[in-house]
Every structure is written in structure tokens, then in C-alpha cells.
Amino acid sequence: MAESMRDLLRGSTVFAGPLASFDPQTAPADPLELFRDWFAEAVGTGVAEPHAMTVATVDADGSPSARILILKDLTEEGWWFATTTTSAKGRDLAENPNVALLFFWGPQGRQVRVRGRAELADTEARAADFRNRPLEGRVAGLHGRQSEPLSETAEIHREAERSRARLVADPDLAPDDWGLYLVRPREVEFWQGDPDRRHTRLRYEREGTGWHRGLLWP
């Protein structure tokens, strides 16, 4: 008899370890500095795709959506990602710029949660970001039809060939609807898992030009 979904879930391993360690007393005053440290550790220990993050937005009706994107950059201003402004998430952000990011580095038992507001970069920065993408990334980003209904998969291939021909003819081409977004954080939480469920949660909250730090119950 096939196992039930509940049995499969209960039989799945949690915190296989060995997990990373974290002493919040040694955490820096700036959460971006701690994020860089944790990210470097994830890369150094071979965590797969550590730059993948969940991006959650809310549409005009208040309905949330979440999807995985790639972190484009981290600067003193905050976290950066890219998408077309005409995509579902681009439309969400035009209506409501509040956004949440989530990084999950399972082998280390770590999560980083970011809450803030997304700002659309200027035209020059958006065009430069698009031109720096690999060719296939530019091909995929040129058609501007993300989230629209699709009649058949062959249509994707036909559109890709048209886009590739346009880029070959004009390598500096950048579409007007390409969006590069900066997420300015107002809250950042670092979560370190523990096999005994005594997890460590350290939250940074924006206070003027600085940050307030505090621990949270797991």
C-alpha cells in the first residue's frame, strides 16, 4: 500500500546537519554586513545556488504571490533583483512596492528574511543590467510576455528565434520594460536552526539611519 502524504512528510529528514553555528552576541551592527558573512559561508561550504531567493509581492487586491529569483547585487542601499515591469510581479510592485525576500540555505539550517520597499532603477541602470545578461537571458527577457497565456510551447521557440535575431542585429538593444529593482530594507531577520528546535532568531529593525537589534523567541 502506498504511503500517505502525511507518512512521507513525517519520514522526511529535518536538520540533517551538521548545521552552522551562530552567536548573536558577535553579530555586527549592520545586517548587510552579517548577510555578506553568511552568504560567503554558504558559498564556501558548497550550498547549491545560494543566490536564489523567494520574492513575495502583493497585487492590487491584496493577494500575495511568491516565486524564486536570483539576487543580482547587494550594495549599501540593499538587495537587487531584475524582472520585466510588465510581468505579474512587476505589476504588483507598481501597485504596492512593499516586498519580502527569503533566502534559505538548508544544509546550514539558515534563513534570512528581508522586508522593505522595492524601487525601480533609472533607465540607464536598467538598460546596463539587461546588456550584461548572457545571450539566452536577454533572449528570454526581450519578448516582454511573461505571465501571459500561452497556446503551445512551440510558440516560445518561435519567439526566441525572433528575439535572438534582433539581438544579433543590435547587440546593444535593451527593452523599455526591463526592470531592475532595489529593495531598501526596513527589517532583516537571521534565523539559525538547531536540531533541538532551540533556534536562534536575530532581528534588525531600521531606526533612522541606523538599526535596532533584538532576539526573538523561536
N, C-alpha and C. Protein backbone atom coordinates (compact mmCIF):
# COMPACT_ATOMS: atom_id res chain seq x y z
N MET A 1 0.85 -1.19 0.00
CA MET A 1 0.00 0.00 0.00
C MET A 1 0.88 1.24 0.00
N ALA A 2 0.56 2.18 -0.84
CA ALA A 2 1.37 3.40 -0.94
C ALA A 2 1.29 4.19 0.35
N GLU A 3 2.41 4.80 0.72
CA GLU A 3 2.43 5.63 1.90
C GLU A 3 1.56 6.86 1.69
N SER A 4 0.94 7.31 2.75
CA SER A 4 0.17 8.54 2.66
C SER A 4 1.11 9.74 2.62
N MET A 5 0.58 10.86 2.19
CA MET A 5 1.39 12.08 2.16
C MET A 5 1.87 12.43 3.56
N ARG A 6 1.02 12.23 4.54
CA ARG A 6 1.41 12.52 5.92
C ARG A 6 2.59 11.66 6.35
N ASP A 7 2.57 10.37 5.98
CA ASP A 7 3.68 9.48 6.34
C ASP A 7 4.97 9.92 5.64
N LEU A 8 4.85 10.31 4.36
CA LEU A 8 6.03 10.76 3.64
C LEU A 8 6.62 12.01 4.28
N LEU A 9 5.74 12.91 4.70
CA LEU A 9 6.21 14.15 5.33
C LEU A 9 6.88 13.85 6.67
N ARG A 10 6.26 13.02 7.47
CA ARG A 10 6.83 12.72 8.79
C ARG A 10 8.13 11.93 8.68
N GLY A 11 8.30 11.21 7.58
CA GLY A 11 9.52 10.44 7.42
C GLY A 11 10.67 11.22 6.81
N SER A 12 10.40 12.46 6.40
CA SER A 12 11.45 13.27 5.78
C SER A 12 12.40 13.82 6.84
N THR A 13 13.68 13.85 6.51
CA THR A 13 14.70 14.31 7.44
C THR A 13 14.65 15.82 7.62
N VAL A 14 14.77 16.26 8.86
CA VAL A 14 14.85 17.67 9.18
C VAL A 14 16.17 17.92 9.89
N PHE A 15 16.89 18.95 9.47
CA PHE A 15 18.17 19.31 10.08
C PHE A 15 19.13 18.12 10.08
N ALA A 16 19.44 17.64 8.88
CA ALA A 16 20.35 16.50 8.76
C ALA A 16 21.73 16.84 9.29
N GLY A 17 22.12 18.12 9.15
CA GLY A 17 23.38 18.60 9.72
C GLY A 17 24.60 18.07 9.00
N PRO A 18 25.79 18.44 9.47
CA PRO A 18 25.99 19.33 10.62
C PRO A 18 25.61 20.77 10.27
N LEU A 19 24.93 21.45 11.19
CA LEU A 19 24.46 22.79 10.95
C LEU A 19 25.54 23.82 11.29
N ALA A 20 25.38 25.01 10.75
CA ALA A 20 26.29 26.10 11.07
C ALA A 20 26.02 26.57 12.50
N SER A 21 26.96 27.30 13.06
CA SER A 21 26.79 27.87 14.39
C SER A 21 26.63 29.38 14.26
N PHE A 22 25.99 29.98 15.28
CA PHE A 22 25.76 31.42 15.24
C PHE A 22 25.64 31.95 16.66
N ASP A 23 26.50 32.88 17.01
CA ASP A 23 26.43 33.58 18.29
C ASP A 23 25.95 35.00 18.03
N PRO A 24 24.70 35.31 18.34
CA PRO A 24 24.19 36.65 18.04
C PRO A 24 24.90 37.77 18.76
N GLN A 25 25.59 37.43 19.85
CA GLN A 25 26.32 38.47 20.58
C GLN A 25 27.49 39.03 19.76
N THR A 26 27.95 38.27 18.78
CA THR A 26 29.07 38.72 17.96
C THR A 26 28.62 39.34 16.64
N ALA A 27 27.30 39.45 16.44
CA ALA A 27 26.78 39.97 15.18
C ALA A 27 27.12 41.45 15.02
N PRO A 28 27.42 41.89 13.80
CA PRO A 28 27.74 43.30 13.56
C PRO A 28 26.50 44.18 13.69
N ALA A 29 26.73 45.49 13.75
CA ALA A 29 25.62 46.44 13.90
C ALA A 29 24.79 46.57 12.64
N ASP A 30 25.38 46.24 11.49
CA ASP A 30 24.71 46.40 10.20
C ASP A 30 24.30 45.03 9.66
N PRO A 31 23.01 44.80 9.36
CA PRO A 31 22.59 43.49 8.88
C PRO A 31 23.17 43.14 7.51
N LEU A 32 23.49 44.14 6.68
CA LEU A 32 24.06 43.83 5.38
C LEU A 32 25.44 43.19 5.53
N GLU A 33 26.17 43.61 6.56
CA GLU A 33 27.48 43.00 6.82
C GLU A 33 27.32 41.55 7.24
N LEU A 34 26.34 41.28 8.10
CA LEU A 34 26.10 39.90 8.52
C LEU A 34 25.62 39.05 7.35
N PHE A 35 24.78 39.63 6.48
CA PHE A 35 24.34 38.89 5.30
C PHE A 35 25.53 38.52 4.43
N ARG A 36 26.44 39.44 4.21
CA ARG A 36 27.62 39.13 3.39
C ARG A 36 28.41 37.98 4.01
N ASP A 37 28.56 37.99 5.32
CA ASP A 37 29.30 36.92 6.01
C ASP A 37 28.59 35.58 5.82
N TRP A 38 27.28 35.56 6.04
CA TRP A 38 26.54 34.31 5.89
C TRP A 38 26.55 33.83 4.45
N PHE A 39 26.43 34.75 3.52
CA PHE A 39 26.43 34.37 2.11
C PHE A 39 27.79 33.76 1.74
N ALA A 40 28.87 34.39 2.19
CA ALA A 40 30.21 33.87 1.91
C ALA A 40 30.39 32.47 2.50
N GLU A 41 29.83 32.24 3.69
CA GLU A 41 29.91 30.91 4.29
C GLU A 41 29.12 29.89 3.47
N ALA A 42 27.93 30.31 2.98
CA ALA A 42 27.13 29.40 2.14
C ALA A 42 27.90 29.02 0.88
N VAL A 43 28.52 30.00 0.25
CA VAL A 43 29.32 29.73 -0.95
C VAL A 43 30.49 28.81 -0.60
N GLY A 44 31.18 29.15 0.50
CA GLY A 44 32.37 28.40 0.89
C GLY A 44 32.09 26.95 1.25
N THR A 45 30.90 26.65 1.74
CA THR A 45 30.56 25.28 2.12
C THR A 45 29.83 24.54 1.00
N GLY A 46 29.70 25.17 -0.16
CA GLY A 46 29.13 24.49 -1.32
C GLY A 46 27.63 24.41 -1.37
N VAL A 47 26.92 25.32 -0.69
CA VAL A 47 25.47 25.34 -0.78
C VAL A 47 25.07 25.63 -2.22
N ALA A 48 24.18 24.83 -2.77
CA ALA A 48 23.77 25.00 -4.16
C ALA A 48 22.94 26.27 -4.33
N GLU A 49 23.28 27.04 -5.34
CA GLU A 49 22.54 28.25 -5.71
C GLU A 49 22.21 29.12 -4.50
N PRO A 50 23.22 29.56 -3.77
CA PRO A 50 22.95 30.38 -2.58
C PRO A 50 22.35 31.73 -2.90
N HIS A 51 22.46 32.16 -4.16
CA HIS A 51 21.91 33.46 -4.55
C HIS A 51 20.44 33.39 -4.95
N ALA A 52 19.84 32.20 -4.89
CA ALA A 52 18.41 32.06 -5.17
C ALA A 52 17.61 32.53 -3.97
N MET A 53 16.56 33.28 -4.23
CA MET A 53 15.75 33.83 -3.14
C MET A 53 14.29 33.83 -3.53
N THR A 54 13.42 33.71 -2.54
CA THR A 54 12.00 33.86 -2.76
C THR A 54 11.65 35.34 -2.70
N VAL A 55 10.90 35.81 -3.70
CA VAL A 55 10.44 37.20 -3.73
C VAL A 55 8.92 37.17 -3.62
N ALA A 56 8.38 37.77 -2.58
CA ALA A 56 6.94 37.80 -2.35
C ALA A 56 6.40 39.21 -2.56
N THR A 57 5.33 39.30 -3.36
CA THR A 57 4.67 40.57 -3.65
C THR A 57 3.18 40.43 -3.38
N VAL A 58 2.48 41.55 -3.42
CA VAL A 58 1.04 41.57 -3.21
C VAL A 58 0.40 42.37 -4.34
N ASP A 59 -0.68 41.83 -4.92
CA ASP A 59 -1.32 42.54 -6.02
C ASP A 59 -2.30 43.60 -5.52
N ALA A 60 -2.98 44.24 -6.44
CA ALA A 60 -3.87 45.35 -6.08
C ALA A 60 -5.03 44.90 -5.19
N ASP A 61 -5.39 43.61 -5.24
CA ASP A 61 -6.48 43.08 -4.42
C ASP A 61 -5.99 42.54 -3.08
N GLY A 62 -4.68 42.65 -2.83
CA GLY A 62 -4.13 42.16 -1.57
C GLY A 62 -3.78 40.69 -1.57
N SER A 63 -3.80 40.05 -2.73
CA SER A 63 -3.46 38.64 -2.83
C SER A 63 -1.96 38.45 -3.01
N PRO A 64 -1.31 37.66 -2.16
CA PRO A 64 0.14 37.50 -2.25
C PRO A 64 0.56 36.49 -3.30
N SER A 65 1.78 36.68 -3.83
CA SER A 65 2.41 35.73 -4.75
C SER A 65 3.88 35.62 -4.37
N ALA A 66 4.45 34.43 -4.58
CA ALA A 66 5.86 34.22 -4.28
C ALA A 66 6.48 33.40 -5.39
N ARG A 67 7.75 33.70 -5.69
CA ARG A 67 8.48 32.97 -6.72
C ARG A 67 9.99 33.09 -6.43
N ILE A 68 10.77 32.23 -7.06
CA ILE A 68 12.22 32.23 -6.87
C ILE A 68 12.87 33.09 -7.94
N LEU A 69 13.73 34.01 -7.50
CA LEU A 69 14.54 34.81 -8.40
C LEU A 69 15.99 34.73 -7.94
N ILE A 70 16.88 35.32 -8.76
CA ILE A 70 18.30 35.35 -8.44
C ILE A 70 18.69 36.73 -7.94
N LEU A 71 19.42 36.78 -6.85
CA LEU A 71 19.94 38.04 -6.34
C LEU A 71 20.96 38.61 -7.33
N LYS A 72 20.74 39.85 -7.74
CA LYS A 72 21.61 40.47 -8.73
C LYS A 72 22.80 41.19 -8.10
N ASP A 73 22.57 41.78 -6.92
CA ASP A 73 23.65 42.54 -6.27
C ASP A 73 23.22 42.84 -4.84
N LEU A 74 24.21 43.17 -4.02
CA LEU A 74 23.98 43.67 -2.68
C LEU A 74 24.87 44.88 -2.49
N THR A 75 24.27 46.03 -2.26
CA THR A 75 25.01 47.27 -2.06
C THR A 75 24.65 47.84 -0.70
N GLU A 76 25.21 48.98 -0.38
CA GLU A 76 24.90 49.61 0.90
C GLU A 76 23.43 50.00 0.99
N GLU A 77 22.77 50.15 -0.19
CA GLU A 77 21.36 50.52 -0.19
C GLU A 77 20.44 49.33 0.08
N GLY A 78 20.87 48.13 -0.35
CA GLY A 78 20.03 46.96 -0.14
C GLY A 78 20.23 45.88 -1.18
N TRP A 79 19.19 45.07 -1.37
CA TRP A 79 19.22 43.89 -2.24
C TRP A 79 18.62 44.24 -3.61
N TRP A 80 19.18 43.67 -4.70
CA TRP A 80 18.75 43.98 -6.06
C TRP A 80 18.27 42.72 -6.78
N PHE A 81 17.21 42.87 -7.57
CA PHE A 81 16.78 41.80 -8.46
C PHE A 81 16.21 42.41 -9.73
N ALA A 82 15.99 41.58 -10.75
CA ALA A 82 15.53 42.07 -12.05
C ALA A 82 14.35 41.24 -12.55
N THR A 83 13.47 41.89 -13.27
CA THR A 83 12.35 41.26 -13.95
C THR A 83 11.76 42.30 -14.89
N THR A 84 10.86 41.90 -15.75
CA THR A 84 10.21 42.90 -16.59
C THR A 84 9.16 43.64 -15.78
N THR A 85 8.98 44.90 -16.09
CA THR A 85 7.97 45.70 -15.38
C THR A 85 6.56 45.28 -15.75
N THR A 86 6.42 44.56 -16.86
CA THR A 86 5.11 44.11 -17.32
C THR A 86 4.75 42.72 -16.80
N SER A 87 5.66 42.06 -16.11
CA SER A 87 5.37 40.74 -15.54
C SER A 87 4.39 40.90 -14.38
N ALA A 88 3.89 39.77 -13.87
CA ALA A 88 2.96 39.83 -12.75
C ALA A 88 3.60 40.50 -11.54
N LYS A 89 4.84 40.15 -11.25
CA LYS A 89 5.50 40.78 -10.10
C LYS A 89 5.80 42.24 -10.36
N GLY A 90 6.13 42.58 -11.61
CA GLY A 90 6.37 43.98 -11.95
C GLY A 90 5.11 44.81 -11.78
N ARG A 91 3.98 44.25 -12.17
CA ARG A 91 2.70 44.95 -12.00
C ARG A 91 2.34 45.06 -10.52
N ASP A 92 2.62 43.98 -9.77
CA ASP A 92 2.38 44.05 -8.32
C ASP A 92 3.16 45.19 -7.68
N LEU A 93 4.43 45.29 -8.04
CA LEU A 93 5.29 46.30 -7.43
C LEU A 93 4.89 47.71 -7.82
N ALA A 94 4.31 47.86 -9.02
CA ALA A 94 3.83 49.17 -9.43
C ALA A 94 2.64 49.61 -8.58
N GLU A 95 1.83 48.63 -8.15
CA GLU A 95 0.66 48.92 -7.32
C GLU A 95 1.04 49.04 -5.84
N ASN A 96 1.95 48.17 -5.41
CA ASN A 96 2.33 48.11 -4.00
C ASN A 96 3.81 47.73 -3.91
N PRO A 97 4.69 48.68 -3.62
CA PRO A 97 6.13 48.41 -3.62
C PRO A 97 6.64 47.62 -2.42
N ASN A 98 5.76 47.32 -1.46
CA ASN A 98 6.19 46.52 -0.31
C ASN A 98 6.51 45.10 -0.78
N VAL A 99 7.64 44.58 -0.33
CA VAL A 99 8.12 43.30 -0.83
C VAL A 99 8.84 42.56 0.29
N ALA A 100 8.86 41.23 0.19
CA ALA A 100 9.61 40.40 1.14
C ALA A 100 10.53 39.47 0.36
N LEU A 101 11.72 39.28 0.88
CA LEU A 101 12.70 38.35 0.31
C LEU A 101 12.99 37.26 1.34
N LEU A 102 13.28 36.06 0.86
CA LEU A 102 13.66 34.96 1.75
C LEU A 102 14.79 34.16 1.12
N PHE A 103 15.87 34.04 1.85
CA PHE A 103 16.98 33.17 1.47
C PHE A 103 16.95 31.95 2.38
N PHE A 104 17.10 30.77 1.81
CA PHE A 104 17.10 29.53 2.59
C PHE A 104 18.31 28.71 2.21
N TRP A 105 19.19 28.51 3.16
CA TRP A 105 20.39 27.70 2.97
C TRP A 105 20.28 26.46 3.85
N GLY A 106 19.54 25.46 3.30
CA GLY A 106 19.17 24.28 4.06
C GLY A 106 20.31 23.52 4.72
N PRO A 107 21.41 23.23 3.99
CA PRO A 107 22.49 22.47 4.61
C PRO A 107 23.06 23.11 5.86
N GLN A 108 22.94 24.43 5.97
CA GLN A 108 23.44 25.13 7.14
C GLN A 108 22.35 25.41 8.17
N GLY A 109 21.09 25.11 7.81
CA GLY A 109 19.99 25.39 8.71
C GLY A 109 19.77 26.88 8.89
N ARG A 110 19.91 27.64 7.81
CA ARG A 110 19.83 29.10 7.91
C ARG A 110 18.77 29.68 6.98
N GLN A 111 18.13 30.73 7.48
CA GLN A 111 17.24 31.55 6.67
C GLN A 111 17.56 33.02 6.93
N VAL A 112 17.36 33.84 5.90
CA VAL A 112 17.42 35.29 6.07
C VAL A 112 16.15 35.86 5.45
N ARG A 113 15.42 36.63 6.25
CA ARG A 113 14.18 37.26 5.79
C ARG A 113 14.40 38.77 5.70
N VAL A 114 13.97 39.34 4.59
CA VAL A 114 14.10 40.78 4.36
C VAL A 114 12.73 41.34 4.03
N ARG A 115 12.36 42.43 4.71
CA ARG A 115 11.12 43.14 4.39
C ARG A 115 11.48 44.59 4.09
N GLY A 116 10.90 45.13 3.00
CA GLY A 116 11.22 46.50 2.65
C GLY A 116 10.38 46.97 1.48
N ARG A 117 10.88 48.00 0.79
CA ARG A 117 10.18 48.56 -0.36
C ARG A 117 11.08 48.49 -1.58
N ALA A 118 10.48 48.12 -2.70
CA ALA A 118 11.22 47.99 -3.95
C ALA A 118 11.16 49.29 -4.74
N GLU A 119 12.31 49.72 -5.23
CA GLU A 119 12.39 50.93 -6.05
C GLU A 119 12.92 50.55 -7.43
N LEU A 120 12.28 51.07 -8.47
CA LEU A 120 12.71 50.81 -9.83
C LEU A 120 13.90 51.70 -10.16
N ALA A 121 14.98 51.09 -10.67
CA ALA A 121 16.19 51.84 -11.02
C ALA A 121 15.92 52.73 -12.23
N ASP A 122 16.84 53.67 -12.48
CA ASP A 122 16.67 54.58 -13.62
C ASP A 122 16.90 53.84 -14.94
N THR A 123 16.54 54.50 -16.02
CA THR A 123 16.56 53.88 -17.35
C THR A 123 17.96 53.38 -17.72
N GLU A 124 18.97 54.17 -17.43
CA GLU A 124 20.34 53.79 -17.80
C GLU A 124 20.79 52.54 -17.06
N ALA A 125 20.51 52.46 -15.75
CA ALA A 125 20.91 51.29 -14.96
C ALA A 125 20.17 50.04 -15.41
N ARG A 126 18.90 50.20 -15.76
CA ARG A 126 18.11 49.05 -16.22
C ARG A 126 18.64 48.53 -17.56
N ALA A 127 18.97 49.44 -18.46
CA ALA A 127 19.50 49.02 -19.77
C ALA A 127 20.85 48.34 -19.60
N ALA A 128 21.69 48.88 -18.72
CA ALA A 128 23.02 48.30 -18.49
C ALA A 128 22.89 46.89 -17.91
N ASP A 129 21.94 46.71 -17.00
CA ASP A 129 21.74 45.39 -16.42
C ASP A 129 21.32 44.39 -17.48
N PHE A 130 20.41 44.80 -18.36
CA PHE A 130 19.95 43.90 -19.41
C PHE A 130 21.10 43.52 -20.34
N ARG A 131 21.90 44.49 -20.74
CA ARG A 131 23.00 44.21 -21.69
C ARG A 131 24.07 43.32 -21.08
N ASN A 132 24.16 43.29 -19.76
CA ASN A 132 25.16 42.45 -19.09
C ASN A 132 24.69 41.01 -18.89
N ARG A 133 23.44 40.73 -19.24
CA ARG A 133 22.94 39.36 -19.12
C ARG A 133 23.52 38.47 -20.21
N PRO A 134 23.66 37.16 -19.95
CA PRO A 134 24.07 36.24 -21.02
C PRO A 134 23.07 36.30 -22.17
N LEU A 135 23.51 35.90 -23.36
CA LEU A 135 22.68 35.99 -24.54
C LEU A 135 21.31 35.35 -24.33
N GLU A 136 21.27 34.11 -23.83
CA GLU A 136 19.98 33.43 -23.67
C GLU A 136 19.10 34.14 -22.64
N GLY A 137 19.73 34.77 -21.65
CA GLY A 137 18.96 35.55 -20.69
C GLY A 137 18.33 36.77 -21.34
N ARG A 138 19.07 37.40 -22.27
CA ARG A 138 18.50 38.54 -22.99
C ARG A 138 17.41 38.09 -23.97
N VAL A 139 17.63 36.94 -24.58
CA VAL A 139 16.60 36.41 -25.48
C VAL A 139 15.30 36.19 -24.70
N ALA A 140 15.40 35.59 -23.52
CA ALA A 140 14.21 35.31 -22.72
C ALA A 140 13.55 36.58 -22.21
N GLY A 141 14.35 37.61 -21.98
CA GLY A 141 13.80 38.84 -21.41
C GLY A 141 13.31 39.84 -22.43
N LEU A 142 13.49 39.54 -23.72
CA LEU A 142 13.18 40.54 -24.74
C LEU A 142 11.72 40.52 -25.16
N HIS A 143 11.06 39.37 -25.09
CA HIS A 143 9.70 39.30 -25.65
C HIS A 143 8.67 40.04 -24.81
N GLY A 144 8.93 40.23 -23.51
CA GLY A 144 8.04 41.02 -22.68
C GLY A 144 6.66 40.44 -22.49
N ARG A 145 6.52 39.11 -22.54
CA ARG A 145 5.18 38.50 -22.44
C ARG A 145 5.06 37.57 -21.24
N GLN A 146 5.93 37.76 -20.27
CA GLN A 146 5.91 36.88 -19.10
C GLN A 146 4.54 36.90 -18.41
N SER A 147 4.05 35.72 -18.05
CA SER A 147 2.78 35.50 -17.35
C SER A 147 1.56 35.62 -18.25
N GLU A 148 1.73 35.90 -19.54
CA GLU A 148 0.59 35.92 -20.45
C GLU A 148 0.20 34.48 -20.83
N PRO A 149 -1.06 34.24 -21.19
CA PRO A 149 -1.47 32.90 -21.62
C PRO A 149 -0.66 32.44 -22.84
N LEU A 150 -0.36 31.14 -22.90
CA LEU A 150 0.43 30.55 -23.98
C LEU A 150 -0.38 29.44 -24.63
N SER A 151 -0.49 29.49 -25.96
CA SER A 151 -1.30 28.50 -26.66
C SER A 151 -0.58 27.17 -26.83
N GLU A 152 0.75 27.20 -27.09
CA GLU A 152 1.53 25.99 -27.26
C GLU A 152 3.00 26.32 -27.02
N THR A 153 3.78 25.31 -26.57
CA THR A 153 5.18 25.54 -26.24
C THR A 153 6.00 25.92 -27.47
N ALA A 154 5.57 25.49 -28.65
CA ALA A 154 6.32 25.84 -29.86
C ALA A 154 6.37 27.34 -30.08
N GLU A 155 5.38 28.04 -29.54
CA GLU A 155 5.35 29.49 -29.69
C GLU A 155 6.55 30.14 -28.98
N ILE A 156 6.97 29.53 -27.86
CA ILE A 156 8.15 30.05 -27.15
C ILE A 156 9.37 29.99 -28.04
N HIS A 157 9.55 28.86 -28.73
CA HIS A 157 10.73 28.69 -29.58
C HIS A 157 10.72 29.66 -30.76
N ARG A 158 9.56 29.88 -31.33
CA ARG A 158 9.47 30.83 -32.45
C ARG A 158 9.80 32.25 -31.98
N GLU A 159 9.27 32.62 -30.83
CA GLU A 159 9.54 33.96 -30.31
C GLU A 159 11.01 34.11 -29.93
N ALA A 160 11.60 33.04 -29.39
CA ALA A 160 13.02 33.09 -29.01
C ALA A 160 13.90 33.31 -30.24
N GLU A 161 13.57 32.66 -31.34
CA GLU A 161 14.36 32.83 -32.56
C GLU A 161 14.25 34.26 -33.09
N ARG A 162 13.06 34.82 -32.99
CA ARG A 162 12.89 36.22 -33.41
C ARG A 162 13.69 37.15 -32.51
N SER A 163 13.66 36.91 -31.22
CA SER A 163 14.40 37.75 -30.28
C SER A 163 15.90 37.62 -30.49
N ARG A 164 16.37 36.39 -30.72
CA ARG A 164 17.80 36.18 -30.96
C ARG A 164 18.26 36.92 -32.20
N ALA A 165 17.46 36.90 -33.25
CA ALA A 165 17.81 37.61 -34.48
C ALA A 165 17.89 39.11 -34.24
N ARG A 166 16.97 39.64 -33.43
CA ARG A 166 17.00 41.07 -33.11
C ARG A 166 18.27 41.44 -32.34
N LEU A 167 18.69 40.58 -31.43
CA LEU A 167 19.88 40.86 -30.62
C LEU A 167 21.16 40.72 -31.43
N VAL A 168 21.18 39.79 -32.35
CA VAL A 168 22.34 39.65 -33.23
C VAL A 168 22.48 40.90 -34.10
N ALA A 169 21.36 41.42 -34.57
CA ALA A 169 21.38 42.63 -35.40
C ALA A 169 21.71 43.87 -34.60
N ASP A 170 21.32 43.89 -33.33
CA ASP A 170 21.55 45.06 -32.47
C ASP A 170 21.96 44.59 -31.08
N PRO A 171 23.26 44.31 -30.86
CA PRO A 171 23.72 43.78 -29.57
C PRO A 171 23.47 44.71 -28.39
N ASP A 172 23.30 46.01 -28.64
CA ASP A 172 23.06 46.97 -27.55
C ASP A 172 21.58 47.17 -27.26
N LEU A 173 20.74 46.38 -27.88
CA LEU A 173 19.30 46.52 -27.69
C LEU A 173 18.93 46.24 -26.24
N ALA A 174 18.08 47.09 -25.67
CA ALA A 174 17.55 46.89 -24.32
C ALA A 174 16.08 47.31 -24.33
N PRO A 175 15.18 46.44 -23.92
CA PRO A 175 13.75 46.78 -23.97
C PRO A 175 13.37 47.80 -22.90
N ASP A 176 12.36 48.59 -23.20
CA ASP A 176 11.92 49.62 -22.26
C ASP A 176 11.30 49.03 -21.00
N ASP A 177 10.79 47.80 -21.09
CA ASP A 177 10.09 47.22 -19.94
C ASP A 177 11.00 46.38 -19.05
N TRP A 178 12.32 46.44 -19.28
CA TRP A 178 13.21 45.70 -18.38
C TRP A 178 13.31 46.44 -17.06
N GLY A 179 13.11 45.71 -15.97
CA GLY A 179 13.11 46.34 -14.65
C GLY A 179 14.24 45.84 -13.76
N LEU A 180 14.94 46.76 -13.15
CA LEU A 180 15.95 46.46 -12.14
C LEU A 180 15.47 47.11 -10.85
N TYR A 181 15.33 46.31 -9.79
CA TYR A 181 14.72 46.80 -8.56
C TYR A 181 15.70 46.74 -7.39
N LEU A 182 15.66 47.78 -6.59
CA LEU A 182 16.40 47.83 -5.33
C LEU A 182 15.41 47.66 -4.19
N VAL A 183 15.67 46.72 -3.31
CA VAL A 183 14.85 46.54 -2.12
C VAL A 183 15.56 47.21 -0.95
N ARG A 184 15.00 48.33 -0.53
CA ARG A 184 15.55 49.03 0.65
C ARG A 184 14.94 48.40 1.90
N PRO A 185 15.73 47.78 2.74
CA PRO A 185 15.17 47.02 3.86
C PRO A 185 14.74 47.91 5.03
N ARG A 186 13.65 47.50 5.65
CA ARG A 186 13.26 48.12 6.92
C ARG A 186 13.35 47.10 8.06
N GLU A 187 13.43 45.81 7.68
CA GLU A 187 13.56 44.75 8.68
C GLU A 187 14.31 43.58 8.06
N VAL A 188 15.28 43.04 8.80
CA VAL A 188 16.05 41.88 8.34
C VAL A 188 16.16 40.90 9.51
N GLU A 189 15.80 39.65 9.27
CA GLU A 189 15.89 38.64 10.33
C GLU A 189 16.80 37.50 9.91
N PHE A 190 17.69 37.12 10.81
CA PHE A 190 18.61 35.99 10.61
C PHE A 190 18.16 34.85 11.51
N TRP A 191 17.94 33.69 10.89
CA TRP A 191 17.40 32.52 11.58
C TRP A 191 18.40 31.38 11.46
N GLN A 192 18.87 30.91 12.62
CA GLN A 192 19.79 29.78 12.66
C GLN A 192 19.10 28.60 13.31
N GLY A 193 18.94 27.51 12.55
CA GLY A 193 18.26 26.34 13.06
C GLY A 193 19.09 25.56 14.07
N ASP A 194 18.38 24.82 14.92
CA ASP A 194 19.01 23.99 15.95
C ASP A 194 18.29 22.63 15.95
N PRO A 195 19.04 21.50 16.01
CA PRO A 195 18.39 20.19 15.98
C PRO A 195 17.37 19.98 17.09
N ASP A 196 17.55 20.65 18.23
CA ASP A 196 16.63 20.54 19.35
C ASP A 196 15.53 21.58 19.30
N ARG A 197 15.40 22.26 18.15
CA ARG A 197 14.38 23.28 17.92
C ARG A 197 14.58 24.52 18.77
N ARG A 198 15.78 24.70 19.32
CA ARG A 198 16.08 25.92 20.07
C ARG A 198 16.74 26.92 19.13
N HIS A 199 15.98 27.29 18.13
CA HIS A 199 16.51 28.11 17.05
C HIS A 199 16.87 29.51 17.54
N THR A 200 17.83 30.11 16.85
CA THR A 200 18.24 31.48 17.16
C THR A 200 17.68 32.42 16.10
N ARG A 201 16.98 33.45 16.55
CA ARG A 201 16.42 34.45 15.63
C ARG A 201 16.90 35.84 16.07
N LEU A 202 17.58 36.51 15.17
CA LEU A 202 18.07 37.86 15.42
C LEU A 202 17.45 38.80 14.40
N ARG A 203 16.70 39.78 14.90
CA ARG A 203 16.02 40.72 14.01
C ARG A 203 16.64 42.10 14.10
N TYR A 204 16.85 42.69 12.92
CA TYR A 204 17.30 44.08 12.80
C TYR A 204 16.10 44.90 12.31
N GLU A 205 15.83 46.02 12.97
CA GLU A 205 14.77 46.93 12.53
C GLU A 205 15.37 48.31 12.29
N ARG A 206 14.98 48.92 11.19
CA ARG A 206 15.52 50.23 10.83
C ARG A 206 15.05 51.29 11.83
N GLU A 207 16.01 52.08 12.30
CA GLU A 207 15.72 53.21 13.18
C GLU A 207 16.50 54.41 12.66
N GLY A 208 15.83 55.29 11.92
CA GLY A 208 16.52 56.43 11.33
C GLY A 208 17.56 55.96 10.34
N THR A 209 18.81 56.34 10.57
CA THR A 209 19.90 55.91 9.70
C THR A 209 20.61 54.68 10.23
N GLY A 210 20.16 54.17 11.38
CA GLY A 210 20.81 53.01 11.98
C GLY A 210 19.86 51.84 12.12
N TRP A 211 20.25 50.88 12.96
CA TRP A 211 19.48 49.65 13.15
C TRP A 211 19.36 49.32 14.63
N HIS A 212 18.20 48.78 15.00
CA HIS A 212 17.98 48.24 16.33
C HIS A 212 17.99 46.73 16.22
N ARG A 213 18.74 46.07 17.10
CA ARG A 213 18.85 44.61 17.09
C ARG A 213 18.11 44.02 18.27
N GLY A 214 17.51 42.85 18.07
CA GLY A 214 16.85 42.16 19.17
C GLY A 214 16.60 40.71 18.84
N LEU A 215 16.62 39.85 19.87
CA LEU A 215 16.35 38.43 19.70
C LEU A 215 14.84 38.17 19.73
N LEU A 216 14.42 37.10 19.06
CA LEU A 216 13.02 36.69 19.04
C LEU A 216 12.91 35.26 19.51
N TRP A 217 11.80 34.94 20.15
CA TRP A 217 11.53 33.55 20.51
C TRP A 217 11.37 32.74 19.22
N PRO A 218 11.90 31.50 19.23
CA PRO A 218 11.73 30.66 18.03
C PRO A 218 10.30 30.15 17.90
